[in-house]
Amino acid sequence: MFGYAVRIRDWPEAGGQLFRLALVPLGHLLGKLPAGNIGRATVNAFQPMSVSSDMQEIISKARQAAARARV
């Protein structure tokens, strides 16, 4: 998202993305990364959003494949 914002010269979005990038390590450590958040700077970084059923299926398949790879 940051790279895209820079390419289209959306400087408020780019600044918001830098802020989000700075928060990701802390959010990961605290388990506060919200599922489904679209990642735009205009959306609260901590607001969970619904995940579409097709995307949920893709995530489920990826998790199953990762679990099989660990065995």
N, C-alpha and C. Protein backbone atom coordinates (compact mmCIF):
# COMPACT_ATOMS: atom_id res chain seq x y z
N MET A 1 0.82 -1.18 0.00
CA MET A 1 0.00 0.00 0.00
C MET A 1 0.88 1.26 0.00
N PHE A 2 1.98 1.21 0.72
CA PHE A 2 2.87 2.38 0.75
C PHE A 2 3.42 2.67 -0.64
N GLY A 3 3.92 1.62 -1.30
CA GLY A 3 4.48 1.79 -2.64
C GLY A 3 3.45 2.31 -3.62
N TYR A 4 2.24 1.79 -3.52
CA TYR A 4 1.16 2.25 -4.40
C TYR A 4 0.85 3.72 -4.14
N ALA A 5 0.77 4.10 -2.87
CA ALA A 5 0.48 5.49 -2.52
C ALA A 5 1.55 6.43 -3.08
N VAL A 6 2.81 6.02 -3.00
CA VAL A 6 3.89 6.85 -3.54
C VAL A 6 3.78 6.94 -5.06
N ARG A 7 3.50 5.80 -5.72
CA ARG A 7 3.39 5.81 -7.18
C ARG A 7 2.29 6.74 -7.67
N ILE A 8 1.18 6.79 -6.95
CA ILE A 8 0.09 7.67 -7.38
C ILE A 8 0.17 9.05 -6.72
N ARG A 9 1.24 9.28 -5.98
CA ARG A 9 1.51 10.56 -5.32
C ARG A 9 0.39 10.98 -4.36
N ASP A 10 -0.11 10.00 -3.62
CA ASP A 10 -1.11 10.26 -2.59
C ASP A 10 -0.36 10.38 -1.27
N TRP A 11 0.14 11.59 -0.99
CA TRP A 11 1.04 11.80 0.14
C TRP A 11 0.37 11.59 1.50
N PRO A 12 -0.90 11.97 1.69
CA PRO A 12 -1.53 11.64 2.98
C PRO A 12 -1.62 10.12 3.21
N GLU A 13 -1.93 9.38 2.15
CA GLU A 13 -1.99 7.92 2.27
C GLU A 13 -0.60 7.35 2.56
N ALA A 14 0.42 7.86 1.87
CA ALA A 14 1.79 7.38 2.09
C ALA A 14 2.21 7.63 3.54
N GLY A 15 1.89 8.80 4.07
CA GLY A 15 2.22 9.09 5.46
C GLY A 15 1.49 8.16 6.42
N GLY A 16 0.22 7.89 6.13
CA GLY A 16 -0.55 6.97 6.95
C GLY A 16 0.00 5.56 6.90
N GLN A 17 0.49 5.16 5.73
CA GLN A 17 1.08 3.83 5.60
C GLN A 17 2.39 3.72 6.37
N LEU A 18 3.19 4.78 6.39
CA LEU A 18 4.41 4.75 7.19
C LEU A 18 4.08 4.58 8.66
N PHE A 19 3.04 5.27 9.12
CA PHE A 19 2.59 5.14 10.51
C PHE A 19 2.16 3.70 10.78
N ARG A 20 1.39 3.11 9.86
CA ARG A 20 0.94 1.73 10.02
C ARG A 20 2.13 0.77 10.05
N LEU A 21 3.10 0.98 9.16
CA LEU A 21 4.28 0.12 9.12
C LEU A 21 5.05 0.18 10.44
N ALA A 22 5.09 1.35 11.05
CA ALA A 22 5.78 1.49 12.33
C ALA A 22 5.04 0.74 13.44
N LEU A 23 3.71 0.63 13.33
CA LEU A 23 2.91 -0.03 14.36
C LEU A 23 2.84 -1.55 14.22
N VAL A 24 3.11 -2.08 13.05
CA VAL A 24 2.94 -3.51 12.82
C VAL A 24 3.73 -4.39 13.79
N PRO A 25 5.02 -4.15 14.02
CA PRO A 25 5.73 -5.03 14.97
C PRO A 25 5.09 -5.05 16.35
N LEU A 26 4.71 -3.88 16.84
CA LEU A 26 4.07 -3.80 18.15
C LEU A 26 2.72 -4.52 18.14
N GLY A 27 1.93 -4.29 17.10
CA GLY A 27 0.63 -4.96 16.99
C GLY A 27 0.77 -6.47 16.92
N HIS A 28 1.79 -6.93 16.23
CA HIS A 28 2.02 -8.37 16.12
C HIS A 28 2.40 -8.96 17.48
N LEU A 29 3.30 -8.31 18.17
CA LEU A 29 3.73 -8.79 19.48
C LEU A 29 2.58 -8.83 20.48
N LEU A 30 1.69 -7.86 20.40
CA LEU A 30 0.57 -7.77 21.34
C LEU A 30 -0.66 -8.54 20.87
N GLY A 31 -0.59 -9.10 19.65
CA GLY A 31 -1.74 -9.82 19.11
C GLY A 31 -2.91 -8.91 18.80
N LYS A 32 -2.63 -7.69 18.40
CA LYS A 32 -3.68 -6.70 18.15
C LYS A 32 -3.88 -6.39 16.67
N LEU A 33 -3.35 -7.22 15.77
CA LEU A 33 -3.57 -6.97 14.35
C LEU A 33 -4.98 -7.45 13.99
N PRO A 34 -5.84 -6.56 13.54
CA PRO A 34 -7.23 -6.93 13.30
C PRO A 34 -7.42 -7.70 12.00
N ALA A 35 -8.22 -8.74 12.06
CA ALA A 35 -8.51 -9.54 10.87
C ALA A 35 -9.35 -8.72 9.90
N GLY A 36 -9.03 -8.84 8.63
CA GLY A 36 -9.84 -8.24 7.58
C GLY A 36 -9.63 -6.76 7.34
N ASN A 37 -8.82 -6.10 8.12
CA ASN A 37 -8.61 -4.66 7.95
C ASN A 37 -7.98 -4.41 6.59
N ILE A 38 -8.57 -3.49 5.81
CA ILE A 38 -8.12 -3.27 4.43
C ILE A 38 -6.78 -2.56 4.34
N GLY A 39 -6.34 -1.91 5.40
CA GLY A 39 -5.01 -1.32 5.42
C GLY A 39 -4.90 0.08 4.88
N ARG A 40 -5.98 0.73 4.55
CA ARG A 40 -5.89 2.11 4.08
C ARG A 40 -5.68 3.03 5.27
N ALA A 41 -5.03 4.14 5.02
CA ALA A 41 -4.76 5.10 6.08
C ALA A 41 -6.04 5.77 6.57
N THR A 42 -7.10 5.72 5.77
CA THR A 42 -8.36 6.34 6.16
C THR A 42 -9.19 5.46 7.08
N VAL A 43 -8.69 4.26 7.37
CA VAL A 43 -9.39 3.30 8.23
C VAL A 43 -8.59 3.14 9.52
N ASN A 44 -9.27 3.11 10.64
CA ASN A 44 -8.60 2.90 11.92
C ASN A 44 -7.75 1.62 11.84
N ALA A 45 -6.50 1.71 12.22
CA ALA A 45 -5.57 0.58 12.11
C ALA A 45 -5.95 -0.59 13.01
N PHE A 46 -6.78 -0.35 14.01
CA PHE A 46 -7.16 -1.40 14.94
C PHE A 46 -8.58 -1.90 14.74
N GLN A 47 -9.26 -1.43 13.69
CA GLN A 47 -10.65 -1.81 13.44
C GLN A 47 -10.74 -3.13 12.68
N PRO A 48 -11.29 -4.18 13.32
CA PRO A 48 -11.48 -5.43 12.59
C PRO A 48 -12.59 -5.25 11.55
N MET A 49 -12.47 -5.96 10.44
CA MET A 49 -13.47 -5.91 9.38
C MET A 49 -13.80 -7.34 8.96
N SER A 50 -14.95 -7.51 8.37
CA SER A 50 -15.34 -8.85 7.96
C SER A 50 -14.47 -9.32 6.78
N VAL A 51 -14.20 -10.61 6.75
CA VAL A 51 -13.43 -11.22 5.67
C VAL A 51 -14.43 -11.95 4.78
N SER A 52 -14.35 -11.72 3.48
CA SER A 52 -15.29 -12.36 2.56
C SER A 52 -15.12 -13.88 2.60
N SER A 53 -16.18 -14.58 2.28
CA SER A 53 -16.16 -16.04 2.36
C SER A 53 -15.13 -16.65 1.41
N ASP A 54 -14.97 -16.08 0.22
CA ASP A 54 -13.98 -16.64 -0.70
C ASP A 54 -12.55 -16.43 -0.18
N MET A 55 -12.31 -15.28 0.43
CA MET A 55 -10.99 -15.04 1.02
C MET A 55 -10.77 -15.93 2.23
N GLN A 56 -11.81 -16.14 3.02
CA GLN A 56 -11.70 -17.02 4.19
C GLN A 56 -11.34 -18.44 3.76
N GLU A 57 -11.90 -18.88 2.63
CA GLU A 57 -11.60 -20.22 2.10
C GLU A 57 -10.13 -20.30 1.67
N ILE A 58 -9.63 -19.27 1.03
CA ILE A 58 -8.23 -19.24 0.60
C ILE A 58 -7.30 -19.30 1.81
N ILE A 59 -7.62 -18.54 2.85
CA ILE A 59 -6.81 -18.54 4.07
C ILE A 59 -6.83 -19.91 4.72
N SER A 60 -7.99 -20.53 4.77
CA SER A 60 -8.12 -21.85 5.38
C SER A 60 -7.28 -22.89 4.63
N LYS A 61 -7.32 -22.85 3.30
CA LYS A 61 -6.53 -23.79 2.50
C LYS A 61 -5.03 -23.56 2.71
N ALA A 62 -4.62 -22.30 2.80
CA ALA A 62 -3.20 -21.98 3.01
C ALA A 62 -2.74 -22.48 4.38
N ARG A 63 -3.59 -22.32 5.39
CA ARG A 63 -3.23 -22.80 6.73
C ARG A 63 -3.13 -24.31 6.76
N GLN A 64 -4.03 -25.00 6.07
CA GLN A 64 -3.98 -26.46 6.00
C GLN A 64 -2.71 -26.93 5.30
N ALA A 65 -2.35 -26.26 4.20
CA ALA A 65 -1.14 -26.62 3.47
C ALA A 65 0.10 -26.38 4.33
N ALA A 66 0.10 -25.29 5.08
CA ALA A 66 1.24 -25.01 5.97
C ALA A 66 1.35 -26.05 7.07
N ALA A 67 0.22 -26.48 7.59
CA ALA A 67 0.22 -27.50 8.65
C ALA A 67 0.75 -28.84 8.10
N ARG A 68 0.36 -29.18 6.87
CA ARG A 68 0.85 -30.42 6.26
C ARG A 68 2.35 -30.32 5.99
N ALA A 69 2.83 -29.17 5.63
CA ALA A 69 4.26 -29.00 5.32
C ALA A 69 5.12 -29.14 6.57
N ARG A 70 4.56 -28.83 7.74
CA ARG A 70 5.32 -28.93 9.00
C ARG A 70 5.44 -30.34 9.49
N VAL A 71 4.61 -31.24 8.99
CA VAL A 71 4.61 -32.63 9.50
C VAL A 71 5.73 -33.41 8.88
